[in-house]
Amino acid sequence: ELFISPFAVFLTHDADKWRETQNVVQPDLCIVCNSEQITRHGCIGAPA
């Protein structure tokens, strides 16, 4: 999936604890290939 800002990316090493991450970015564009990363809030973990 191709996304354009505004679209939040929650950078985390543990998808189960994504609400604890201190890093939430809004890249201009990003591509996400794992559908399980996509939620109504944005992308959980690193885009491709």
All heavy atoms as atom14 arrays in JSON, in Angstrom:
{
  "sequence": "ELFISPFAVFLTHDADKWRETQNVVQPDLCIVCNSEQITRHGCIGAPA",
  "atom14_mask": [
    [1, 1, 1, 1, 1, 1, 1, 1, 1, 0, 0, 0, 0, 0],
    [1, 1, 1, 1, 1, 1, 1, 1, 0, 0, 0, 0, 0, 0],
    [1, 1, 1, 1, 1, 1, 1, 1, 1, 1, 1, 0, 0, 0],
    [1, 1, 1, 1, 1, 1, 1, 1, 0, 0, 0, 0, 0, 0],
    [1, 1, 1, 1, 1, 1, 0, 0, 0, 0, 0, 0, 0, 0],
    [1, 1, 1, 1, 1, 1, 1, 0, 0, 0, 0, 0, 0, 0],
    [1, 1, 1, 1, 1, 1, 1, 1, 1, 1, 1, 0, 0, 0],
    [1, 1, 1, 1, 1, 0, 0, 0, 0, 0, 0, 0, 0, 0],
    [1, 1, 1, 1, 1, 1, 1, 0, 0, 0, 0, 0, 0, 0],
    [1, 1, 1, 1, 1, 1, 1, 1, 1, 1, 1, 0, 0, 0],
    [1, 1, 1, 1, 1, 1, 1, 1, 0, 0, 0, 0, 0, 0],
    [1, 1, 1, 1, 1, 1, 1, 0, 0, 0, 0, 0, 0, 0],
    [1, 1, 1, 1, 1, 1, 1, 1, 1, 1, 0, 0, 0, 0],
    [1, 1, 1, 1, 1, 1, 1, 1, 0, 0, 0, 0, 0, 0],
    [1, 1, 1, 1, 1, 0, 0, 0, 0, 0, 0, 0, 0, 0],
    [1, 1, 1, 1, 1, 1, 1, 1, 0, 0, 0, 0, 0, 0],
    [1, 1, 1, 1, 1, 1, 1, 1, 1, 0, 0, 0, 0, 0],
    [1, 1, 1, 1, 1, 1, 1, 1, 1, 1, 1, 1, 1, 1],
    [1, 1, 1, 1, 1, 1, 1, 1, 1, 1, 1, 0, 0, 0],
    [1, 1, 1, 1, 1, 1, 1, 1, 1, 0, 0, 0, 0, 0],
    [1, 1, 1, 1, 1, 1, 1, 0, 0, 0, 0, 0, 0, 0],
    [1, 1, 1, 1, 1, 1, 1, 1, 1, 0, 0, 0, 0, 0],
    [1, 1, 1, 1, 1, 1, 1, 1, 0, 0, 0, 0, 0, 0],
    [1, 1, 1, 1, 1, 1, 1, 0, 0, 0, 0, 0, 0, 0],
    [1, 1, 1, 1, 1, 1, 1, 0, 0, 0, 0, 0, 0, 0],
    [1, 1, 1, 1, 1, 1, 1, 1, 1, 0, 0, 0, 0, 0],
    [1, 1, 1, 1, 1, 1, 1, 0, 0, 0, 0, 0, 0, 0],
    [1, 1, 1, 1, 1, 1, 1, 1, 0, 0, 0, 0, 0, 0],
    [1, 1, 1, 1, 1, 1, 1, 1, 0, 0, 0, 0, 0, 0],
    [1, 1, 1, 1, 1, 1, 0, 0, 0, 0, 0, 0, 0, 0],
    [1, 1, 1, 1, 1, 1, 1, 1, 0, 0, 0, 0, 0, 0],
    [1, 1, 1, 1, 1, 1, 1, 0, 0, 0, 0, 0, 0, 0],
    [1, 1, 1, 1, 1, 1, 0, 0, 0, 0, 0, 0, 0, 0],
    [1, 1, 1, 1, 1, 1, 1, 1, 0, 0, 0, 0, 0, 0],
    [1, 1, 1, 1, 1, 1, 0, 0, 0, 0, 0, 0, 0, 0],
    [1, 1, 1, 1, 1, 1, 1, 1, 1, 0, 0, 0, 0, 0],
    [1, 1, 1, 1, 1, 1, 1, 1, 1, 0, 0, 0, 0, 0],
    [1, 1, 1, 1, 1, 1, 1, 1, 0, 0, 0, 0, 0, 0],
    [1, 1, 1, 1, 1, 1, 1, 0, 0, 0, 0, 0, 0, 0],
    [1, 1, 1, 1, 1, 1, 1, 1, 1, 1, 1, 0, 0, 0],
    [1, 1, 1, 1, 1, 1, 1, 1, 1, 1, 0, 0, 0, 0],
    [1, 1, 1, 1, 0, 0, 0, 0, 0, 0, 0, 0, 0, 0],
    [1, 1, 1, 1, 1, 1, 0, 0, 0, 0, 0, 0, 0, 0],
    [1, 1, 1, 1, 1, 1, 1, 1, 0, 0, 0, 0, 0, 0],
    [1, 1, 1, 1, 0, 0, 0, 0, 0, 0, 0, 0, 0, 0],
    [1, 1, 1, 1, 1, 0, 0, 0, 0, 0, 0, 0, 0, 0],
    [1, 1, 1, 1, 1, 1, 1, 0, 0, 0, 0, 0, 0, 0],
    [1, 1, 1, 1, 1, 0, 0, 0, 0, 0, 0, 0, 0, 0]
  ],
  "atom14_positions": [
    [[0.83, -1.2, 0.0], [0.0, 0.0, 0.0], [0.86, 1.25, 0.0], [1.87, 1.33, 0.71], [-0.89, 0.02, 1.25], [-1.88, -1.13, 1.34], [-3.1, -0.91, 0.47], [-3.26, 0.19, -0.08], [-3.92, -1.85, 0.36], [0.0, 0.0, 0.0], [0.0, 0.0, 0.0], [0.0, 0.0, 0.0], [0.0, 0.0, 0.0], [0.0, 0.0, 0.0]],
    [[0.45, 2.23, -0.81], [1.13, 3.52, -0.88], [0.33, 4.54, -0.08], [-0.88, 4.68, -0.28], [1.25, 3.96, -2.34], [1.72, 5.39, -2.61], [3.17, 5.59, -2.16], [1.57, 5.72, -4.1], [0.0, 0.0, 0.0], [0.0, 0.0, 0.0], [0.0, 0.0, 0.0], [0.0, 0.0, 0.0], [0.0, 0.0, 0.0], [0.0, 0.0, 0.0]],
    [[1.01, 5.26, 0.81], [0.34, 6.27, 1.63], [1.06, 7.61, 1.47], [2.28, 7.67, 1.31], [0.35, 5.88, 3.11], [-0.47, 4.66, 3.42], [0.13, 3.41, 3.47], [-1.83, 4.77, 3.64], [-0.62, 2.27, 3.75], [-2.6, 3.64, 3.92], [-1.99, 2.39, 3.98], [0.0, 0.0, 0.0], [0.0, 0.0, 0.0], [0.0, 0.0, 0.0]],
    [[0.27, 8.68, 1.54], [0.81, 10.03, 1.48], [0.38, 10.77, 2.74], [-0.69, 10.5, 3.3], [0.33, 10.75, 0.2], [1.09, 12.07, 0.0], [-1.18, 10.98, 0.22], [0.87, 12.7, -1.39], [0.0, 0.0, 0.0], [0.0, 0.0, 0.0], [0.0, 0.0, 0.0], [0.0, 0.0, 0.0], [0.0, 0.0, 0.0], [0.0, 0.0, 0.0]],
    [[1.2, 11.69, 3.2], [0.91, 12.45, 4.42], [-0.4, 13.24, 4.26], [-0.68, 13.75, 3.18], [2.07, 13.41, 4.7], [1.85, 14.15, 5.86], [0.0, 0.0, 0.0], [0.0, 0.0, 0.0], [0.0, 0.0, 0.0], [0.0, 0.0, 0.0], [0.0, 0.0, 0.0], [0.0, 0.0, 0.0], [0.0, 0.0, 0.0], [0.0, 0.0, 0.0]],
    [[-1.21, 13.33, 5.32], [-0.93, 12.91, 6.7], [-1.23, 11.42, 6.92], [-2.34, 10.96, 6.68], [-1.87, 13.77, 7.54], [-3.02, 14.06, 6.63], [-2.44, 14.16, 5.24], [0.0, 0.0, 0.0], [0.0, 0.0, 0.0], [0.0, 0.0, 0.0], [0.0, 0.0, 0.0], [0.0, 0.0, 0.0], [0.0, 0.0, 0.0], [0.0, 0.0, 0.0]],
    [[-0.23, 10.7, 7.38], [-0.35, 9.28, 7.69], [0.72, 8.97, 8.73], [1.9, 9.15, 8.46], [-0.16, 8.43, 6.44], [-0.24, 6.95, 6.69], [-1.47, 6.34, 6.92], [0.9, 6.16, 6.7], [-1.56, 4.97, 7.15], [0.83, 4.8, 6.93], [-0.41, 4.19, 7.15], [0.0, 0.0, 0.0], [0.0, 0.0, 0.0], [0.0, 0.0, 0.0]],
    [[0.31, 8.53, 9.9], [1.25, 8.34, 11.0], [1.92, 6.98, 10.93], [1.29, 5.97, 10.64], [0.54, 8.51, 12.34], [0.0, 0.0, 0.0], [0.0, 0.0, 0.0], [0.0, 0.0, 0.0], [0.0, 0.0, 0.0], [0.0, 0.0, 0.0], [0.0, 0.0, 0.0], [0.0, 0.0, 0.0], [0.0, 0.0, 0.0], [0.0, 0.0, 0.0]],
    [[3.2, 6.99, 11.24], [3.98, 5.76, 11.35], [4.5, 5.67, 12.78], [5.24, 6.54, 13.24], [5.15, 5.74, 10.35], [6.04, 4.53, 10.6], [4.63, 5.73, 8.92], [0.0, 0.0, 0.0], [0.0, 0.0, 0.0], [0.0, 0.0, 0.0], [0.0, 0.0, 0.0], [0.0, 0.0, 0.0], [0.0, 0.0, 0.0], [0.0, 0.0, 0.0]],
    [[4.09, 4.62, 13.48], [4.51, 4.39, 14.86], [5.72, 3.46, 14.83], [5.58, 2.26, 14.62], [3.37, 3.78, 15.66], [2.16, 4.66, 15.77], [1.24, 4.75, 14.72], [1.93, 5.43, 16.91], [0.12, 5.57, 14.82], [0.81, 6.25, 17.01], [-0.09, 6.32, 15.96], [0.0, 0.0, 0.0], [0.0, 0.0, 0.0], [0.0, 0.0, 0.0]],
    [[6.9, 4.02, 15.01], [8.12, 3.24, 14.91], [8.34, 2.48, 16.22], [8.52, 3.07, 17.28], [9.3, 4.16, 14.61], [9.26, 4.82, 13.23], [10.34, 5.87, 13.1], [9.39, 3.78, 12.12], [0.0, 0.0, 0.0], [0.0, 0.0, 0.0], [0.0, 0.0, 0.0], [0.0, 0.0, 0.0], [0.0, 0.0, 0.0], [0.0, 0.0, 0.0]],
    [[8.33, 1.15, 16.13], [8.45, 0.31, 17.31], [9.06, -1.03, 16.92], [8.9, -1.48, 15.78], [7.08, 0.09, 17.97], [7.23, -0.78, 19.09], [6.08, -0.52, 16.99], [0.0, 0.0, 0.0], [0.0, 0.0, 0.0], [0.0, 0.0, 0.0], [0.0, 0.0, 0.0], [0.0, 0.0, 0.0], [0.0, 0.0, 0.0], [0.0, 0.0, 0.0]],
    [[9.74, -1.65, 17.87], [10.26, -3.01, 17.67], [9.28, -4.06, 18.19], [9.46, -5.24, 17.93], [11.6, -3.17, 18.39], [12.7, -2.33, 17.83], [13.14, -2.45, 16.52], [13.45, -1.35, 18.39], [14.12, -1.58, 16.3], [14.32, -0.9, 17.41], [0.0, 0.0, 0.0], [0.0, 0.0, 0.0], [0.0, 0.0, 0.0], [0.0, 0.0, 0.0]],
    [[8.27, -3.63, 18.91], [7.3, -4.55, 19.5], [5.89, -4.07, 19.16], [5.37, -3.13, 19.75], [7.49, -4.6, 21.03], [6.62, -5.67, 21.69], [5.67, -6.16, 21.05], [6.9, -6.01, 22.86], [0.0, 0.0, 0.0], [0.0, 0.0, 0.0], [0.0, 0.0, 0.0], [0.0, 0.0, 0.0], [0.0, 0.0, 0.0], [0.0, 0.0, 0.0]],
    [[5.28, -4.74, 18.2], [3.96, -4.31, 17.72], [2.9, -4.36, 18.81], [1.92, -3.62, 18.77], [3.53, -5.18, 16.54], [0.0, 0.0, 0.0], [0.0, 0.0, 0.0], [0.0, 0.0, 0.0], [0.0, 0.0, 0.0], [0.0, 0.0, 0.0], [0.0, 0.0, 0.0], [0.0, 0.0, 0.0], [0.0, 0.0, 0.0], [0.0, 0.0, 0.0]],
    [[3.09, -5.22, 19.8], [2.11, -5.33, 20.88], [2.18, -4.15, 21.84], [1.26, -3.92, 22.64], [2.32, -6.63, 21.66], [1.99, -7.87, 20.83], [1.12, -7.76, 19.94], [2.61, -8.92, 21.05], [0.0, 0.0, 0.0], [0.0, 0.0, 0.0], [0.0, 0.0, 0.0], [0.0, 0.0, 0.0], [0.0, 0.0, 0.0], [0.0, 0.0, 0.0]],
    [[3.29, -3.4, 21.79], [3.48, -2.27, 22.71], [3.65, -0.96, 21.94], [4.34, -0.06, 22.39], [4.69, -2.52, 23.61], [4.56, -3.74, 24.51], [5.79, -3.92, 25.39], [5.63, -5.13, 26.31], [6.83, -5.33, 27.17], [0.0, 0.0, 0.0], [0.0, 0.0, 0.0], [0.0, 0.0, 0.0], [0.0, 0.0, 0.0], [0.0, 0.0, 0.0]],
    [[2.97, -0.87, 20.8], [3.18, 0.29, 19.94], [2.73, 1.59, 20.59], [3.26, 2.66, 20.28], [2.48, 0.09, 18.6], [0.98, 0.02, 18.66], [0.22, -1.09, 18.85], [0.06, 1.11, 18.53], [-1.11, -0.78, 18.84], [-1.25, 0.58, 18.65], [0.21, 2.48, 18.32], [-2.39, 1.37, 18.56], [-0.93, 3.27, 18.23], [-2.2, 2.72, 18.36]],
    [[1.78, 1.53, 21.51], [1.34, 2.75, 22.18], [2.39, 3.32, 23.13], [2.25, 4.44, 23.6], [0.03, 2.5, 22.94], [-1.17, 2.24, 22.03], [-2.4, 1.93, 22.83], [-3.54, 1.6, 21.97], [-4.41, 2.47, 21.49], [-4.3, 3.74, 21.83], [-5.4, 2.09, 20.71], [0.0, 0.0, 0.0], [0.0, 0.0, 0.0], [0.0, 0.0, 0.0]],
    [[3.43, 2.55, 23.39], [4.5, 3.01, 24.28], [5.65, 3.68, 23.52], [6.54, 4.26, 24.15], [5.05, 1.83, 25.1], [4.01, 1.18, 26.0], [4.57, -0.02, 26.76], [5.81, -0.21, 26.73], [3.78, -0.76, 27.36], [0.0, 0.0, 0.0], [0.0, 0.0, 0.0], [0.0, 0.0, 0.0], [0.0, 0.0, 0.0], [0.0, 0.0, 0.0]],
    [[5.64, 3.58, 22.2], [6.74, 4.18, 21.46], [6.78, 5.69, 21.6], [5.73, 6.34, 21.7], [6.69, 3.81, 19.96], [7.86, 4.37, 19.31], [5.45, 4.38, 19.28], [0.0, 0.0, 0.0], [0.0, 0.0, 0.0], [0.0, 0.0, 0.0], [0.0, 0.0, 0.0], [0.0, 0.0, 0.0], [0.0, 0.0, 0.0], [0.0, 0.0, 0.0]],
    [[7.97, 6.24, 21.62], [8.14, 7.69, 21.69], [8.45, 8.28, 20.32], [8.85, 9.44, 20.22], [9.27, 8.02, 22.67], [8.94, 7.64, 24.11], [10.02, 8.07, 25.09], [11.14, 8.4, 24.72], [9.67, 8.08, 26.37], [0.0, 0.0, 0.0], [0.0, 0.0, 0.0], [0.0, 0.0, 0.0], [0.0, 0.0, 0.0], [0.0, 0.0, 0.0]],
    [[8.22, 7.48, 19.28], [8.53, 7.93, 17.93], [7.34, 7.72, 17.0], [7.01, 6.59, 16.64], [9.75, 7.17, 17.4], [10.98, 7.4, 18.24], [11.49, 8.51, 18.34], [11.48, 6.35, 18.9], [0.0, 0.0, 0.0], [0.0, 0.0, 0.0], [0.0, 0.0, 0.0], [0.0, 0.0, 0.0], [0.0, 0.0, 0.0], [0.0, 0.0, 0.0]],
    [[6.69, 8.83, 16.67], [5.55, 8.82, 15.75], [5.84, 9.86, 14.67], [5.89, 11.05, 14.95], [4.22, 9.15, 16.47], [3.06, 9.02, 15.49], [4.02, 8.27, 17.69], [0.0, 0.0, 0.0], [0.0, 0.0, 0.0], [0.0, 0.0, 0.0], [0.0, 0.0, 0.0], [0.0, 0.0, 0.0], [0.0, 0.0, 0.0], [0.0, 0.0, 0.0]],
    [[6.03, 9.41, 13.44], [6.42, 10.32, 12.37], [5.36, 10.36, 11.28], [4.51, 9.47, 11.19], [7.79, 9.91, 11.77], [8.9, 10.09, 12.79], [7.77, 8.47, 11.27], [0.0, 0.0, 0.0], [0.0, 0.0, 0.0], [0.0, 0.0, 0.0], [0.0, 0.0, 0.0], [0.0, 0.0, 0.0], [0.0, 0.0, 0.0], [0.0, 0.0, 0.0]],
    [[5.46, 11.39, 10.45], [4.51, 11.6, 9.35], [5.31, 11.77, 8.05], [5.49, 12.89, 7.57], [3.68, 12.85, 9.62], [2.77, 12.78, 10.81], [1.36, 12.38, 10.44], [1.02, 12.23, 9.26], [0.53, 12.19, 11.43], [0.0, 0.0, 0.0], [0.0, 0.0, 0.0], [0.0, 0.0, 0.0], [0.0, 0.0, 0.0], [0.0, 0.0, 0.0]],
    [[5.81, 10.68, 7.48], [6.57, 10.81, 6.24], [5.71, 11.34, 5.1], [4.49, 11.14, 5.09], [7.06, 9.38, 5.96], [6.1, 8.51, 6.69], [5.66, 9.27, 7.9], [0.0, 0.0, 0.0], [0.0, 0.0, 0.0], [0.0, 0.0, 0.0], [0.0, 0.0, 0.0], [0.0, 0.0, 0.0], [0.0, 0.0, 0.0], [0.0, 0.0, 0.0]],
    [[6.34, 11.98, 4.14], [5.58, 12.51, 3.0], [4.92, 11.39, 2.22], [3.77, 11.49, 1.81], [6.49, 13.35, 2.11], [6.87, 14.66, 2.76], [5.97, 15.38, 3.21], [8.07, 14.95, 2.86], [0.0, 0.0, 0.0], [0.0, 0.0, 0.0], [0.0, 0.0, 0.0], [0.0, 0.0, 0.0], [0.0, 0.0, 0.0], [0.0, 0.0, 0.0]],
    [[5.66, 10.31, 1.99], [5.1, 9.12, 1.37], [5.75, 7.9, 2.01], [6.89, 7.96, 2.46], [5.36, 9.07, -0.14], [4.75, 10.16, -1.02], [5.79, 11.22, -1.33], [4.2, 9.58, -2.31], [0.0, 0.0, 0.0], [0.0, 0.0, 0.0], [0.0, 0.0, 0.0], [0.0, 0.0, 0.0], [0.0, 0.0, 0.0], [0.0, 0.0, 0.0]],
    [[5.01, 6.8, 2.02], [5.61, 5.54, 2.46], [4.86, 4.38, 1.84], [3.71, 4.52, 1.4], [5.62, 5.43, 3.98], [4.01, 5.3, 4.78], [0.0, 0.0, 0.0], [0.0, 0.0, 0.0], [0.0, 0.0, 0.0], [0.0, 0.0, 0.0], [0.0, 0.0, 0.0], [0.0, 0.0, 0.0], [0.0, 0.0, 0.0], [0.0, 0.0, 0.0]],
    [[5.55, 3.25, 1.77], [4.97, 2.02, 1.22], [5.01, 0.96, 2.3], [6.06, 0.69, 2.89], [5.74, 1.56, -0.03], [5.63, 2.62, -1.13], [5.2, 0.22, -0.52], [6.56, 2.4, -2.3], [0.0, 0.0, 0.0], [0.0, 0.0, 0.0], [0.0, 0.0, 0.0], [0.0, 0.0, 0.0], [0.0, 0.0, 0.0], [0.0, 0.0, 0.0]],
    [[3.86, 0.35, 2.55], [3.73, -0.69, 3.58], [3.29, -1.98, 2.9], [2.26, -2.01, 2.21], [2.7, -0.28, 4.65], [2.63, -1.35, 5.75], [3.06, 1.08, 5.25], [0.0, 0.0, 0.0], [0.0, 0.0, 0.0], [0.0, 0.0, 0.0], [0.0, 0.0, 0.0], [0.0, 0.0, 0.0], [0.0, 0.0, 0.0], [0.0, 0.0, 0.0]],
    [[4.06, -3.05, 3.09], [3.77, -4.31, 2.4], [3.17, -5.38, 3.3], [2.69, -6.39, 2.81], [5.05, -4.84, 1.75], [5.64, -3.81, 0.39], [0.0, 0.0, 0.0], [0.0, 0.0, 0.0], [0.0, 0.0, 0.0], [0.0, 0.0, 0.0], [0.0, 0.0, 0.0], [0.0, 0.0, 0.0], [0.0, 0.0, 0.0], [0.0, 0.0, 0.0]],
    [[3.19, -5.16, 4.59], [2.57, -6.1, 5.53], [1.24, -5.52, 5.98], [1.2, -4.55, 6.74], [3.5, -6.32, 6.73], [2.94, -7.32, 7.73], [1.8, -7.77, 7.62], [3.74, -7.68, 8.72], [0.0, 0.0, 0.0], [0.0, 0.0, 0.0], [0.0, 0.0, 0.0], [0.0, 0.0, 0.0], [0.0, 0.0, 0.0], [0.0, 0.0, 0.0]],
    [[0.16, -6.12, 5.53], [-1.17, -5.57, 5.82], [-1.48, -5.57, 7.31], [-2.3, -4.77, 7.79], [-2.25, -6.38, 5.08], [-2.24, -7.74, 5.49], [0.0, 0.0, 0.0], [0.0, 0.0, 0.0], [0.0, 0.0, 0.0], [0.0, 0.0, 0.0], [0.0, 0.0, 0.0], [0.0, 0.0, 0.0], [0.0, 0.0, 0.0], [0.0, 0.0, 0.0]],
    [[-0.83, -6.44, 8.08], [-1.07, -6.49, 9.52], [-0.51, -5.26, 10.23], [-0.86, -5.0, 11.38], [-0.45, -7.76, 10.11], [-1.14, -9.04, 9.63], [-0.57, -10.28, 10.29], [0.4, -10.14, 11.07], [-1.1, -11.37, 10.02], [0.0, 0.0, 0.0], [0.0, 0.0, 0.0], [0.0, 0.0, 0.0], [0.0, 0.0, 0.0], [0.0, 0.0, 0.0]],
    [[0.35, -4.51, 9.55], [0.89, -3.29, 10.15], [-0.08, -2.12, 10.07], [0.08, -1.13, 10.79], [2.19, -2.88, 9.43], [3.38, -3.78, 9.69], [4.61, -3.25, 8.99], [5.05, -3.8, 7.99], [5.18, -2.16, 9.49], [0.0, 0.0, 0.0], [0.0, 0.0, 0.0], [0.0, 0.0, 0.0], [0.0, 0.0, 0.0], [0.0, 0.0, 0.0]],
    [[-1.07, -2.21, 9.2], [-1.95, -1.08, 8.94], [-3.17, -1.15, 9.85], [-3.9, -2.15, 9.88], [-2.39, -1.06, 7.47], [-1.16, -1.02, 6.55], [-3.3, 0.14, 7.2], [-1.49, -1.2, 5.08], [0.0, 0.0, 0.0], [0.0, 0.0, 0.0], [0.0, 0.0, 0.0], [0.0, 0.0, 0.0], [0.0, 0.0, 0.0], [0.0, 0.0, 0.0]],
    [[-3.39, -0.07, 10.61], [-4.56, 0.05, 11.47], [-5.25, 1.37, 11.16], [-4.76, 2.16, 10.35], [-4.16, 0.03, 12.96], [-3.57, 1.3, 13.31], [-3.17, -1.09, 13.24], [0.0, 0.0, 0.0], [0.0, 0.0, 0.0], [0.0, 0.0, 0.0], [0.0, 0.0, 0.0], [0.0, 0.0, 0.0], [0.0, 0.0, 0.0], [0.0, 0.0, 0.0]],
    [[-6.35, 1.63, 11.83], [-7.04, 2.91, 11.62], [-6.2, 4.08, 12.11], [-6.44, 5.23, 11.72], [-8.4, 2.91, 12.31], [-8.36, 2.98, 13.82], [-9.76, 2.91, 14.4], [-9.79, 3.07, 15.85], [-9.92, 4.25, 16.47], [-10.02, 5.35, 15.76], [-9.95, 4.32, 17.78], [0.0, 0.0, 0.0], [0.0, 0.0, 0.0], [0.0, 0.0, 0.0]],
    [[-5.21, 3.8, 12.94], [-4.34, 4.86, 13.46], [-3.17, 5.16, 12.52], [-2.58, 6.24, 12.58], [-3.78, 4.47, 14.82], [-4.82, 4.28, 15.87], [-5.62, 5.3, 16.32], [-5.21, 3.17, 16.56], [-6.45, 4.84, 17.25], [-6.23, 3.56, 17.4], [0.0, 0.0, 0.0], [0.0, 0.0, 0.0], [0.0, 0.0, 0.0], [0.0, 0.0, 0.0]],
    [[-2.8, 4.21, 11.67], [-1.66, 4.4, 10.8], [-0.89, 3.11, 10.64], [-1.47, 2.02, 10.67], [0.0, 0.0, 0.0], [0.0, 0.0, 0.0], [0.0, 0.0, 0.0], [0.0, 0.0, 0.0], [0.0, 0.0, 0.0], [0.0, 0.0, 0.0], [0.0, 0.0, 0.0], [0.0, 0.0, 0.0], [0.0, 0.0, 0.0], [0.0, 0.0, 0.0]],
    [[0.42, 3.21, 10.51], [1.28, 2.05, 10.32], [2.02, 1.74, 11.62], [2.65, 2.62, 12.22], [2.29, 2.32, 9.21], [3.55, 1.03, 9.0], [0.0, 0.0, 0.0], [0.0, 0.0, 0.0], [0.0, 0.0, 0.0], [0.0, 0.0, 0.0], [0.0, 0.0, 0.0], [0.0, 0.0, 0.0], [0.0, 0.0, 0.0], [0.0, 0.0, 0.0]],
    [[1.98, 0.48, 12.04], [2.69, 0.04, 13.24], [3.98, -0.65, 12.8], [3.95, -1.73, 12.22], [1.83, -0.92, 14.08], [0.44, -0.34, 14.33], [2.55, -1.27, 15.38], [0.43, 0.98, 15.04], [0.0, 0.0, 0.0], [0.0, 0.0, 0.0], [0.0, 0.0, 0.0], [0.0, 0.0, 0.0], [0.0, 0.0, 0.0], [0.0, 0.0, 0.0]],
    [[5.1, -0.02, 13.07], [6.38, -0.57, 12.65], [6.9, 0.08, 11.39], [6.31, 1.03, 10.86], [0.0, 0.0, 0.0], [0.0, 0.0, 0.0], [0.0, 0.0, 0.0], [0.0, 0.0, 0.0], [0.0, 0.0, 0.0], [0.0, 0.0, 0.0], [0.0, 0.0, 0.0], [0.0, 0.0, 0.0], [0.0, 0.0, 0.0], [0.0, 0.0, 0.0]],
    [[8.0, -0.43, 10.89], [8.71, 0.2, 9.77], [8.09, -0.1, 8.42], [7.85, -1.26, 8.1], [10.17, -0.25, 9.77], [0.0, 0.0, 0.0], [0.0, 0.0, 0.0], [0.0, 0.0, 0.0], [0.0, 0.0, 0.0], [0.0, 0.0, 0.0], [0.0, 0.0, 0.0], [0.0, 0.0, 0.0], [0.0, 0.0, 0.0], [0.0, 0.0, 0.0]],
    [[7.82, 0.92, 7.61], [7.42, 0.68, 6.21], [8.6, 0.11, 5.41], [9.75, 0.15, 5.85], [7.06, 2.09, 5.71], [6.84, 2.91, 6.94], [7.78, 2.34, 7.96], [0.0, 0.0, 0.0], [0.0, 0.0, 0.0], [0.0, 0.0, 0.0], [0.0, 0.0, 0.0], [0.0, 0.0, 0.0], [0.0, 0.0, 0.0], [0.0, 0.0, 0.0]],
    [[8.29, -0.39, 4.22], [9.35, -0.89, 3.34], [10.15, 0.26, 2.73], [11.36, 0.16, 2.53], [8.75, -1.76, 2.25], [0.0, 0.0, 0.0], [0.0, 0.0, 0.0], [0.0, 0.0, 0.0], [0.0, 0.0, 0.0], [0.0, 0.0, 0.0], [0.0, 0.0, 0.0], [0.0, 0.0, 0.0], [0.0, 0.0, 0.0], [0.0, 0.0, 0.0]]
  ]
}
